[in-house]
Amino acid sequence: MKSSNWQVSMTKEEIASQFKTLQDTICKGLEHLDGKAKFTEDLWDRAEGGGGRTRIITKGDLLEKGGVAFSAVHGDVTPEMSKQLGLGGKTFFATGVSIVLHPNNPHVPIIHMNVRYFQMDEGVYWFGGGIDLTPHYVIESQAEMFHNDLKQICADFDAGFYEKFKKWADEYFYIPHRNETRGIGGIFYDHLSENNSNLSKEQLLAFAIELGTNFPKIYGKQAALGRDLPFSEEEIRWRNLRRGRYVEFNLVNDRGTKFGLHSGGRTESILMSLPANANWEYNFQPEKGSREEKTLQYLQGKK
């Protein structure tokens, strides 16, 4: 396992503190990567218990809109939460960091990452999270580079993590009503504890932190390949259509969004993942042989 410079403490409050520090690390790295825009911060409290800080970056050199949100919330498990999310127990605690970045240039992909920790009143806990990439135009060599970066991080903790979590991501980041994946996948895991893995609770937290600290570097490699390429109005049109698919998944299929809304979370922070601009066109069909058609075929498993 990769050694970590992070001081691991195991109370839920100290885990939340480490996630808060992770938010600082990621924001600093992304501001450096963008080179122009800075994050603005919105502190908020949750009436039922807890709160967080949502940081938004807009109108940057690289990023049209992005968000890095930290939250630590607690409260009663409502009947709706129990029904929708399958939570047992009477009270819950949840903390984590969530990131979504929407770039200006259609040749740079959208990226999402989330790391989180849940604990129920009876002491049951689990970690979840993942990272995935949504290119507007799929370039297979760049997709391979992204997956190799994740594979290396996973291998430092458990040799079986990558294949297991990649399969989970392929299944999770899928839009059934479109019969296509949201992007080129990544890794996704949930309900992970020392009871169903080869790692201790301390090591599982270290894995989450390692993913987060590597996030700006991983995205920087992807952004460098496309941020300076010229683009046309037609490519912007396609970018916005792909953003529309992103919105559909987040609002219809994403369990994190559902948990936030069903747990009485802060709507503005939950929906920070949505882009500034997105389009839907009735029965849009890409031109035969175009890069748009090839991307759509890839996402529909027809590559």
C-alpha atoms as a PDB file:
ATOM      1  CA  MET A   1       0.000   0.000   0.000  1.00  0.00           C
ATOM      2  CA  LYS A   2       1.172   3.523  -0.763  1.00  0.00           C
ATOM      3  CA  SER A   3       2.239   5.416   2.337  1.00  0.00           C
ATOM      4  CA  SER A   4       0.406   8.664   2.944  1.00  0.00           C
ATOM      5  CA  ASN A   5       1.638  11.902   4.447  1.00  0.00           C
ATOM      6  CA  TRP A   6      -1.852  12.514   5.840  1.00  0.00           C
ATOM      7  CA  GLN A   7      -2.445  12.067   9.549  1.00  0.00           C
ATOM      8  CA  VAL A   8      -5.278   9.564   9.703  1.00  0.00           C
ATOM      9  CA  SER A   9      -7.729   9.972  12.587  1.00  0.00           C
ATOM     10  CA  MET A  10     -10.780   7.853  12.827  1.00  0.00           C
ATOM     11  CA  THR A  11     -13.535   9.841  14.468  1.00  0.00           C
ATOM     12  CA  LYS A  12     -16.142  11.036  12.023  1.00  0.00           C
ATOM     13  CA  GLU A  13     -15.311  14.653  12.855  1.00  0.00           C
ATOM     14  CA  GLU A  14     -11.639  14.134  12.066  1.00  0.00           C
ATOM     15  CA  ILE A  15     -12.472  12.354   8.812  1.00  0.00           C
ATOM     16  CA  ALA A  16     -14.592  15.375   7.875  1.00  0.00           C
ATOM     17  CA  SER A  17     -11.657  17.652   8.730  1.00  0.00           C
ATOM     18  CA  GLN A  18      -9.388  15.726   6.376  1.00  0.00           C
ATOM     19  CA  PHE A  19     -11.944  16.004   3.585  1.00  0.00           C
ATOM     20  CA  LYS A  20     -12.135  19.742   4.214  1.00  0.00           C
ATOM     21  CA  THR A  21      -8.353  19.980   3.866  1.00  0.00           C
ATOM     22  CA  LEU A  22      -8.602  17.921   0.685  1.00  0.00           C
ATOM     23  CA  GLN A  23     -10.996  20.523  -0.722  1.00  0.00           C
ATOM     24  CA  ASP A  24      -8.343  23.193  -0.071  1.00  0.00           C
ATOM     25  CA  THR A  25      -5.688  21.129  -1.851  1.00  0.00           C
ATOM     26  CA  ILE A  26      -7.852  20.514  -4.915  1.00  0.00           C
ATOM     27  CA  CYS A  27      -8.980  24.134  -5.235  1.00  0.00           C
ATOM     28  CA  LYS A  28      -5.404  25.389  -5.041  1.00  0.00           C
ATOM     29  CA  GLY A  29      -4.348  22.947  -7.753  1.00  0.00           C
ATOM     30  CA  LEU A  30      -7.250  23.855 -10.038  1.00  0.00           C
ATOM     31  CA  GLU A  31      -6.688  27.604  -9.692  1.00  0.00           C
ATOM     32  CA  HIS A  32      -3.088  27.053 -10.748  1.00  0.00           C
ATOM     33  CA  LEU A  33      -4.237  24.894 -13.660  1.00  0.00           C
ATOM     34  CA  ASP A  34      -6.781  27.439 -14.888  1.00  0.00           C
ATOM     35  CA  GLY A  35      -4.328  30.313 -14.557  1.00  0.00           C
ATOM     36  CA  LYS A  36      -6.987  33.057 -14.505  1.00  0.00           C
ATOM     37  CA  ALA A  37     -10.088  32.451 -12.404  1.00  0.00           C
ATOM     38  CA  LYS A  38     -10.344  32.024  -8.645  1.00  0.00           C
ATOM     39  CA  PHE A  39     -12.874  30.135  -6.557  1.00  0.00           C
ATOM     40  CA  THR A  40     -15.564  31.969  -4.657  1.00  0.00           C
ATOM     41  CA  GLU A  41     -16.803  30.391  -1.448  1.00  0.00           C
ATOM     42  CA  ASP A  42     -20.321  29.991  -0.120  1.00  0.00           C
ATOM     43  CA  LEU A  43     -20.613  28.781   3.477  1.00  0.00           C
ATOM     44  CA  TRP A  44     -23.915  27.193   4.417  1.00  0.00           C
ATOM     45  CA  ASP A  45     -25.659  25.513   7.322  1.00  0.00           C
ATOM     46  CA  ARG A  46     -28.200  22.724   7.211  1.00  0.00           C
ATOM     47  CA  ALA A  47     -31.139  23.276   9.530  1.00  0.00           C
ATOM     48  CA  GLU A  48     -31.406  19.552  10.296  1.00  0.00           C
ATOM     49  CA  GLY A  49     -27.721  19.321  11.194  1.00  0.00           C
ATOM     50  CA  GLY A  50     -24.309  20.138   9.741  1.00  0.00           C
ATOM     51  CA  GLY A  51     -23.361  22.226   6.736  1.00  0.00           C
ATOM     52  CA  GLY A  52     -20.579  22.809   4.281  1.00  0.00           C
ATOM     53  CA  ARG A  53     -18.758  25.109   1.948  1.00  0.00           C
ATOM     54  CA  THR A  54     -19.334  25.236  -1.776  1.00  0.00           C
ATOM     55  CA  ARG A  55     -16.648  26.734  -3.989  1.00  0.00           C
ATOM     56  CA  ILE A  56     -17.398  27.778  -7.549  1.00  0.00           C
ATOM     57  CA  ILE A  57     -15.025  28.850 -10.319  1.00  0.00           C
ATOM     58  CA  THR A  58     -16.368  30.550 -13.458  1.00  0.00           C
ATOM     59  CA  LYS A  59     -15.248  32.358 -16.617  1.00  0.00           C
ATOM     60  CA  GLY A  60     -11.720  31.047 -16.431  1.00  0.00           C
ATOM     61  CA  ASP A  61      -9.135  30.448 -19.111  1.00  0.00           C
ATOM     62  CA  LEU A  62      -9.760  26.694 -18.963  1.00  0.00           C
ATOM     63  CA  LEU A  63     -12.994  26.376 -17.018  1.00  0.00           C
ATOM     64  CA  GLU A  64     -16.341  27.876 -17.970  1.00  0.00           C
ATOM     65  CA  LYS A  65     -17.798  26.587 -14.705  1.00  0.00           C
ATOM     66  CA  GLY A  66     -16.607  24.266 -11.994  1.00  0.00           C
ATOM     67  CA  GLY A  67     -17.417  23.409  -8.416  1.00  0.00           C
ATOM     68  CA  VAL A  68     -15.613  21.809  -5.508  1.00  0.00           C
ATOM     69  CA  ALA A  69     -18.003  21.179  -2.630  1.00  0.00           C
ATOM     70  CA  PHE A  70     -17.357  19.971   0.901  1.00  0.00           C
ATOM     71  CA  SER A  71     -20.128  18.932   3.247  1.00  0.00           C
ATOM     72  CA  ALA A  72     -20.553  17.275   6.620  1.00  0.00           C
ATOM     73  CA  VAL A  73     -24.203  16.684   7.467  1.00  0.00           C
ATOM     74  CA  HIS A  74     -26.096  14.637  10.021  1.00  0.00           C
ATOM     75  CA  GLY A  75     -29.625  14.025  11.180  1.00  0.00           C
ATOM     76  CA  ASP A  76     -32.518  11.626  11.326  1.00  0.00           C
ATOM     77  CA  VAL A  77     -33.065   8.976   8.675  1.00  0.00           C
ATOM     78  CA  THR A  78     -36.454   9.949   7.292  1.00  0.00           C
ATOM     79  CA  PRO A  79     -38.915   7.377   5.894  1.00  0.00           C
ATOM     80  CA  GLU A  80     -38.284   8.775   2.401  1.00  0.00           C
ATOM     81  CA  MET A  81     -34.507   8.356   2.767  1.00  0.00           C
ATOM     82  CA  SER A  82     -34.981   4.817   4.041  1.00  0.00           C
ATOM     83  CA  LYS A  83     -37.256   3.946   1.114  1.00  0.00           C
ATOM     84  CA  GLN A  84     -35.268   5.641  -1.632  1.00  0.00           C
ATOM     85  CA  LEU A  85     -31.734   4.911  -0.444  1.00  0.00           C
ATOM     86  CA  GLY A  86     -32.060   1.792   1.673  1.00  0.00           C
ATOM     87  CA  LEU A  87     -30.559   3.356   4.803  1.00  0.00           C
ATOM     88  CA  GLY A  88     -31.043   1.520   8.096  1.00  0.00           C
ATOM     89  CA  GLY A  89     -30.763   2.981  11.549  1.00  0.00           C
ATOM     90  CA  LYS A  90     -32.257   6.109  13.012  1.00  0.00           C
ATOM     91  CA  THR A  91     -29.562   8.744  12.380  1.00  0.00           C
ATOM     92  CA  PHE A  92     -26.781   9.244   9.846  1.00  0.00           C
ATOM     93  CA  PHE A  93     -23.580  11.218   9.347  1.00  0.00           C
ATOM     94  CA  ALA A  94     -22.220  11.930   5.870  1.00  0.00           C
ATOM     95  CA  THR A  95     -19.188  13.882   4.759  1.00  0.00           C
ATOM     96  CA  GLY A  96     -17.268  14.212   1.521  1.00  0.00           C
ATOM     97  CA  VAL A  97     -15.907  16.246  -1.350  1.00  0.00           C
ATOM     98  CA  SER A  98     -17.549  16.443  -4.771  1.00  0.00           C
ATOM     99  CA  ILE A  99     -16.099  17.991  -7.928  1.00  0.00           C
ATOM    100  CA  VAL A 100     -17.444  18.677 -11.417  1.00  0.00           C
ATOM    101  CA  LEU A 101     -15.599  20.748 -14.035  1.00  0.00           C
ATOM    102  CA  HIS A 102     -17.065  22.025 -17.316  1.00  0.00           C
ATOM    103  CA  PRO A 103     -14.353  23.439 -19.613  1.00  0.00           C
ATOM    104  CA  ASN A 104     -14.705  26.135 -22.253  1.00  0.00           C
ATOM    105  CA  ASN A 105     -13.032  24.211 -25.048  1.00  0.00           C
ATOM    106  CA  PRO A 106     -14.994  21.248 -26.497  1.00  0.00           C
ATOM    107  CA  HIS A 107     -11.659  19.448 -26.966  1.00  0.00           C
ATOM    108  CA  VAL A 108     -11.251  19.257 -23.173  1.00  0.00           C
ATOM    109  CA  PRO A 109     -13.424  16.738 -21.300  1.00  0.00           C
ATOM    110  CA  ILE A 110     -15.841  17.208 -18.439  1.00  0.00           C
ATOM    111  CA  ILE A 111     -14.588  15.525 -15.286  1.00  0.00           C
ATOM    112  CA  HIS A 112     -16.260  14.436 -12.055  1.00  0.00           C
ATOM    113  CA  MET A 113     -14.896  13.128  -8.775  1.00  0.00           C
ATOM    114  CA  ASN A 114     -16.491  12.315  -5.447  1.00  0.00           C
ATOM    115  CA  VAL A 115     -15.127  10.851  -2.214  1.00  0.00           C
ATOM    116  CA  ARG A 116     -17.430  10.359   0.747  1.00  0.00           C
ATOM    117  CA  TYR A 117     -17.881   8.705   4.116  1.00  0.00           C
ATOM    118  CA  PHE A 118     -21.129   7.551   5.757  1.00  0.00           C
ATOM    119  CA  GLN A 119     -21.717   6.429   9.310  1.00  0.00           C
ATOM    120  CA  MET A 120     -24.961   5.255  10.862  1.00  0.00           C
ATOM    121  CA  ASP A 121     -25.950   5.530  14.510  1.00  0.00           C
ATOM    122  CA  GLU A 122     -25.323   1.841  15.198  1.00  0.00           C
ATOM    123  CA  GLY A 123     -21.688   2.266  14.108  1.00  0.00           C
ATOM    124  CA  VAL A 124     -21.951   0.834  10.608  1.00  0.00           C
ATOM    125  CA  TYR A 125     -19.788   2.866   8.204  1.00  0.00           C
ATOM    126  CA  TRP A 126     -18.687   2.837   4.596  1.00  0.00           C
ATOM    127  CA  PHE A 127     -16.661   4.799   2.065  1.00  0.00           C
ATOM    128  CA  GLY A 128     -17.697   5.559  -1.492  1.00  0.00           C
ATOM    129  CA  GLY A 129     -16.524   7.597  -4.408  1.00  0.00           C
ATOM    130  CA  GLY A 130     -14.897   7.542  -7.780  1.00  0.00           C
ATOM    131  CA  ILE A 131     -13.726   9.573 -10.704  1.00  0.00           C
ATOM    132  CA  ASP A 132     -14.867   9.521 -14.327  1.00  0.00           C
ATOM    133  CA  LEU A 133     -14.218  11.405 -17.542  1.00  0.00           C
ATOM    134  CA  THR A 134     -16.770  12.660 -20.074  1.00  0.00           C
ATOM    135  CA  PRO A 135     -15.088  13.796 -23.305  1.00  0.00           C
ATOM    136  CA  HIS A 136     -17.132  15.746 -25.813  1.00  0.00           C
ATOM    137  CA  TYR A 137     -15.043  13.967 -28.462  1.00  0.00           C
ATOM    138  CA  VAL A 138     -13.705  10.546 -27.508  1.00  0.00           C
ATOM    139  CA  ILE A 139     -10.024  10.048 -28.354  1.00  0.00           C
ATOM    140  CA  GLU A 140      -9.106   6.520 -27.365  1.00  0.00           C
ATOM    141  CA  SER A 141      -5.441   7.239 -26.588  1.00  0.00           C
ATOM    142  CA  GLN A 142      -6.481   9.939 -24.101  1.00  0.00           C
ATOM    143  CA  ALA A 143      -9.058   7.607 -22.571  1.00  0.00           C
ATOM    144  CA  GLU A 144      -6.346   4.978 -22.146  1.00  0.00           C
ATOM    145  CA  MET A 145      -4.054   7.512 -20.461  1.00  0.00           C
ATOM    146  CA  PHE A 146      -6.801   8.445 -18.006  1.00  0.00           C
ATOM    147  CA  HIS A 147      -7.474   4.815 -17.120  1.00  0.00           C
ATOM    148  CA  ASN A 148      -3.769   4.089 -16.706  1.00  0.00           C
ATOM    149  CA  ASP A 149      -3.508   6.929 -14.179  1.00  0.00           C
ATOM    150  CA  LEU A 150      -6.366   5.455 -12.166  1.00  0.00           C
ATOM    151  CA  LYS A 151      -4.999   1.942 -12.449  1.00  0.00           C
ATOM    152  CA  GLN A 152      -1.710   3.057 -10.944  1.00  0.00           C
ATOM    153  CA  ILE A 153      -3.382   4.727  -7.963  1.00  0.00           C
ATOM    154  CA  CYS A 154      -5.560   1.683  -7.324  1.00  0.00           C
ATOM    155  CA  ALA A 155      -2.586  -0.684  -7.536  1.00  0.00           C
ATOM    156  CA  ASP A 156      -0.852   1.135  -4.694  1.00  0.00           C
ATOM    157  CA  PHE A 157      -3.672   0.014  -2.394  1.00  0.00           C
ATOM    158  CA  ASP A 158      -5.154  -3.210  -3.768  1.00  0.00           C
ATOM    159  CA  ALA A 159      -4.288  -5.065  -6.978  1.00  0.00           C
ATOM    160  CA  GLY A 160      -7.929  -5.931  -7.537  1.00  0.00           C
ATOM    161  CA  PHE A 161      -9.394  -2.463  -7.089  1.00  0.00           C
ATOM    162  CA  TYR A 162      -9.033  -1.160 -10.638  1.00  0.00           C
ATOM    163  CA  GLU A 163     -10.784  -3.952 -12.527  1.00  0.00           C
ATOM    164  CA  LYS A 164     -13.527  -4.190  -9.917  1.00  0.00           C
ATOM    165  CA  PHE A 165     -14.127  -0.450  -9.707  1.00  0.00           C
ATOM    166  CA  LYS A 166     -13.828   0.096 -13.472  1.00  0.00           C
ATOM    167  CA  LYS A 167     -16.601  -2.436 -14.065  1.00  0.00           C
ATOM    168  CA  TRP A 168     -18.675  -0.735 -11.396  1.00  0.00           C
ATOM    169  CA  ALA A 169     -18.156   2.642 -13.102  1.00  0.00           C
ATOM    170  CA  ASP A 170     -19.104   1.269 -16.520  1.00  0.00           C
ATOM    171  CA  GLU A 171     -22.351  -0.002 -15.045  1.00  0.00           C
ATOM    172  CA  TYR A 172     -23.049   3.068 -12.930  1.00  0.00           C
ATOM    173  CA  PHE A 173     -22.302   5.872 -15.403  1.00  0.00           C
ATOM    174  CA  TYR A 174     -24.821   4.626 -17.921  1.00  0.00           C
ATOM    175  CA  ILE A 175     -27.895   6.442 -19.256  1.00  0.00           C
ATOM    176  CA  PRO A 176     -30.507   3.702 -19.788  1.00  0.00           C
ATOM    177  CA  HIS A 177     -33.027   5.892 -21.586  1.00  0.00           C
ATOM    178  CA  ARG A 178     -30.317   6.846 -24.124  1.00  0.00           C
ATOM    179  CA  ASN A 179     -28.650   3.425 -24.312  1.00  0.00           C
ATOM    180  CA  GLU A 180     -25.250   5.069 -23.942  1.00  0.00           C
ATOM    181  CA  THR A 181     -22.577   5.647 -21.328  1.00  0.00           C
ATOM    182  CA  ARG A 182     -22.090   9.125 -19.904  1.00  0.00           C
ATOM    183  CA  GLY A 183     -18.443   9.114 -20.919  1.00  0.00           C
ATOM    184  CA  ILE A 184     -15.429   6.824 -21.038  1.00  0.00           C
ATOM    185  CA  GLY A 185     -15.845   5.662 -17.443  1.00  0.00           C
ATOM    186  CA  GLY A 186     -13.255   5.569 -14.706  1.00  0.00           C
ATOM    187  CA  ILE A 187     -13.671   3.986 -11.294  1.00  0.00           C
ATOM    188  CA  PHE A 188     -16.610   3.897  -8.896  1.00  0.00           C
ATOM    189  CA  TYR A 189     -17.049   2.239  -5.522  1.00  0.00           C
ATOM    190  CA  ASP A 190     -19.602   2.325  -2.728  1.00  0.00           C
ATOM    191  CA  HIS A 191     -20.358   0.730   0.655  1.00  0.00           C
ATOM    192  CA  LEU A 192     -16.660  -0.128   1.038  1.00  0.00           C
ATOM    193  CA  SER A 193     -15.482  -1.012   4.540  1.00  0.00           C
ATOM    194  CA  GLU A 194     -12.925  -3.204   6.263  1.00  0.00           C
ATOM    195  CA  ASN A 195     -15.581  -5.935   6.293  1.00  0.00           C
ATOM    196  CA  ASN A 196     -15.652  -6.299   2.501  1.00  0.00           C
ATOM    197  CA  SER A 197     -12.138  -5.271   1.469  1.00  0.00           C
ATOM    198  CA  ASN A 198      -8.544  -6.120   2.296  1.00  0.00           C
ATOM    199  CA  LEU A 199      -7.945  -2.653   3.742  1.00  0.00           C
ATOM    200  CA  SER A 200      -8.405  -1.158   7.175  1.00  0.00           C
ATOM    201  CA  LYS A 201     -10.571   1.864   7.798  1.00  0.00           C
ATOM    202  CA  GLU A 202      -7.412   3.997   7.879  1.00  0.00           C
ATOM    203  CA  GLN A 203      -6.279   2.643   4.525  1.00  0.00           C
ATOM    204  CA  LEU A 204      -9.677   3.223   2.926  1.00  0.00           C
ATOM    205  CA  LEU A 205      -9.540   6.852   3.985  1.00  0.00           C
ATOM    206  CA  ALA A 206      -5.990   7.110   2.627  1.00  0.00           C
ATOM    207  CA  PHE A 207      -7.221   5.729  -0.716  1.00  0.00           C
ATOM    208  CA  ALA A 208      -9.893   8.434  -0.917  1.00  0.00           C
ATOM    209  CA  ILE A 209      -7.345  11.114  -0.063  1.00  0.00           C
ATOM    210  CA  GLU A 210      -4.903   9.776  -2.652  1.00  0.00           C
ATOM    211  CA  LEU A 211      -7.546   9.977  -5.385  1.00  0.00           C
ATOM    212  CA  GLY A 212      -8.326  13.553  -4.412  1.00  0.00           C
ATOM    213  CA  THR A 213      -4.765  14.826  -4.200  1.00  0.00           C
ATOM    214  CA  ASN A 214      -4.045  13.378  -7.649  1.00  0.00           C
ATOM    215  CA  PHE A 215      -7.166  14.925  -9.193  1.00  0.00           C
ATOM    216  CA  PRO A 216      -5.622  18.234 -10.419  1.00  0.00           C
ATOM    217  CA  LYS A 217      -2.671  16.374 -11.959  1.00  0.00           C
ATOM    218  CA  ILE A 218      -4.885  13.829 -13.726  1.00  0.00           C
ATOM    219  CA  TYR A 219      -7.134  16.535 -15.151  1.00  0.00           C
ATOM    220  CA  GLY A 220      -4.168  18.730 -16.035  1.00  0.00           C
ATOM    221  CA  LYS A 221      -2.796  16.022 -18.328  1.00  0.00           C
ATOM    222  CA  GLN A 222      -6.141  15.774 -20.125  1.00  0.00           C
ATOM    223  CA  ALA A 223      -6.600  19.541 -20.369  1.00  0.00           C
ATOM    224  CA  ALA A 224      -3.121  20.104 -21.796  1.00  0.00           C
ATOM    225  CA  LEU A 225      -4.019  18.038 -24.860  1.00  0.00           C
ATOM    226  CA  GLY A 226      -6.990  20.174 -25.873  1.00  0.00           C
ATOM    227  CA  ARG A 227      -7.209  23.562 -24.169  1.00  0.00           C
ATOM    228  CA  ASP A 228      -5.284  25.431 -26.893  1.00  0.00           C
ATOM    229  CA  LEU A 229      -6.939  23.778 -29.897  1.00  0.00           C
ATOM    230  CA  PRO A 230      -9.168  25.983 -32.079  1.00  0.00           C
ATOM    231  CA  PHE A 231     -12.896  25.205 -32.149  1.00  0.00           C
ATOM    232  CA  SER A 232     -15.915  26.137 -34.236  1.00  0.00           C
ATOM    233  CA  GLU A 233     -19.519  27.068 -33.489  1.00  0.00           C
ATOM    234  CA  GLU A 234     -20.574  23.586 -34.593  1.00  0.00           C
ATOM    235  CA  GLU A 235     -18.196  22.076 -32.038  1.00  0.00           C
ATOM    236  CA  ILE A 236     -19.676  24.311 -29.335  1.00  0.00           C
ATOM    237  CA  ARG A 237     -23.126  23.125 -30.399  1.00  0.00           C
ATOM    238  CA  TRP A 238     -21.995  19.524 -29.970  1.00  0.00           C
ATOM    239  CA  ARG A 239     -20.356  20.342 -26.617  1.00  0.00           C
ATOM    240  CA  ASN A 240     -23.646  21.728 -25.345  1.00  0.00           C
ATOM    241  CA  LEU A 241     -25.588  18.694 -26.569  1.00  0.00           C
ATOM    242  CA  ARG A 242     -23.189  16.412 -24.701  1.00  0.00           C
ATOM    243  CA  ARG A 243     -23.629  18.598 -21.639  1.00  0.00           C
ATOM    244  CA  GLY A 244     -27.340  17.964 -21.991  1.00  0.00           C
ATOM    245  CA  ARG A 245     -26.701  14.237 -21.645  1.00  0.00           C
ATOM    246  CA  TYR A 246     -24.624  14.984 -18.551  1.00  0.00           C
ATOM    247  CA  VAL A 247     -27.533  16.886 -17.020  1.00  0.00           C
ATOM    248  CA  GLU A 248     -29.921  14.029 -17.773  1.00  0.00           C
ATOM    249  CA  PHE A 249     -27.764  11.518 -15.938  1.00  0.00           C
ATOM    250  CA  ASN A 250     -27.231  13.729 -12.911  1.00  0.00           C
ATOM    251  CA  LEU A 251     -30.909  14.518 -12.477  1.00  0.00           C
ATOM    252  CA  VAL A 252     -32.383  11.130 -13.374  1.00  0.00           C
ATOM    253  CA  ASN A 253     -29.822   8.475 -12.436  1.00  0.00           C
ATOM    254  CA  ASP A 254     -27.190   9.786 -10.033  1.00  0.00           C
ATOM    255  CA  ARG A 255     -27.553   8.374  -6.510  1.00  0.00           C
ATOM    256  CA  GLY A 256     -25.501  11.188  -4.955  1.00  0.00           C
ATOM    257  CA  THR A 257     -27.903  13.771  -6.305  1.00  0.00           C
ATOM    258  CA  LYS A 258     -30.848  11.757  -5.034  1.00  0.00           C
ATOM    259  CA  PHE A 259     -29.302  11.379  -1.580  1.00  0.00           C
ATOM    260  CA  GLY A 260     -28.647  15.105  -1.331  1.00  0.00           C
ATOM    261  CA  LEU A 261     -32.184  16.013  -2.296  1.00  0.00           C
ATOM    262  CA  HIS A 262     -33.873  13.315  -0.203  1.00  0.00           C
ATOM    263  CA  SER A 263     -31.763  14.134   2.872  1.00  0.00           C
ATOM    264  CA  GLY A 264     -32.752  17.790   2.804  1.00  0.00           C
ATOM    265  CA  GLY A 265     -29.426  18.935   1.431  1.00  0.00           C
ATOM    266  CA  ARG A 266     -28.747  22.363   0.036  1.00  0.00           C
ATOM    267  CA  THR A 267     -30.153  22.460  -3.492  1.00  0.00           C
ATOM    268  CA  GLU A 268     -27.692  25.028  -4.865  1.00  0.00           C
ATOM    269  CA  SER A 269     -24.729  22.954  -3.721  1.00  0.00           C
ATOM    270  CA  ILE A 270     -26.218  19.669  -4.933  1.00  0.00           C
ATOM    271  CA  LEU A 271     -26.888  21.095  -8.399  1.00  0.00           C
ATOM    272  CA  MET A 272     -23.522  22.820  -8.732  1.00  0.00           C
ATOM    273  CA  SER A 273     -22.628  19.912 -11.033  1.00  0.00           C
ATOM    274  CA  LEU A 274     -24.804  21.308 -13.803  1.00  0.00           C
ATOM    275  CA  PRO A 275     -23.149  23.317 -16.610  1.00  0.00           C
ATOM    276  CA  ALA A 276     -23.719  26.992 -17.264  1.00  0.00           C
ATOM    277  CA  ASN A 277     -25.018  26.188 -20.757  1.00  0.00           C
ATOM    278  CA  ALA A 278     -26.508  23.000 -22.212  1.00  0.00           C
ATOM    279  CA  ASN A 279     -28.727  22.196 -25.195  1.00  0.00           C
ATOM    280  CA  TRP A 280     -31.320  19.651 -26.241  1.00  0.00           C
ATOM    281  CA  GLU A 281     -32.312  19.287 -29.872  1.00  0.00           C
ATOM    282  CA  TYR A 282     -35.168  17.089 -30.986  1.00  0.00           C
ATOM    283  CA  ASN A 283     -33.933  13.857 -32.588  1.00  0.00           C
ATOM    284  CA  PHE A 284     -30.446  15.195 -33.294  1.00  0.00           C
ATOM    285  CA  GLN A 285     -28.555  12.964 -35.733  1.00  0.00           C
ATOM    286  CA  PRO A 286     -24.828  13.533 -36.286  1.00  0.00           C
ATOM    287  CA  GLU A 287     -23.485  13.668 -39.813  1.00  0.00           C
ATOM    288  CA  LYS A 288     -22.410  10.314 -41.214  1.00  0.00           C
ATOM    289  CA  GLY A 289     -18.706   9.673 -40.750  1.00  0.00           C
ATOM    290  CA  SER A 290     -18.239  12.718 -38.494  1.00  0.00           C
ATOM    291  CA  ARG A 291     -16.307  12.805 -35.231  1.00  0.00           C
ATOM    292  CA  GLU A 292     -19.625  13.397 -33.516  1.00  0.00           C
ATOM    293  CA  GLU A 293     -21.041  10.167 -34.941  1.00  0.00           C
ATOM    294  CA  LYS A 294     -17.914   8.220 -33.969  1.00  0.00           C
ATOM    295  CA  THR A 295     -18.115   9.545 -30.410  1.00  0.00           C
ATOM    296  CA  LEU A 296     -21.772   8.595 -30.150  1.00  0.00           C
ATOM    297  CA  GLN A 297     -21.056   5.110 -31.508  1.00  0.00           C
ATOM    298  CA  TYR A 298     -18.287   4.681 -28.923  1.00  0.00           C
ATOM    299  CA  LEU A 299     -20.622   5.680 -26.099  1.00  0.00           C
ATOM    300  CA  GLN A 300     -23.259   3.261 -27.397  1.00  0.00           C
ATOM    301  CA  GLY A 301     -20.763   0.401 -27.451  1.00  0.00           C
ATOM    302  CA  LYS A 302     -20.516   0.298 -31.247  1.00  0.00           C
ATOM    303  CA  LYS A 303     -16.782   1.095 -31.482  1.00  0.00           C
END
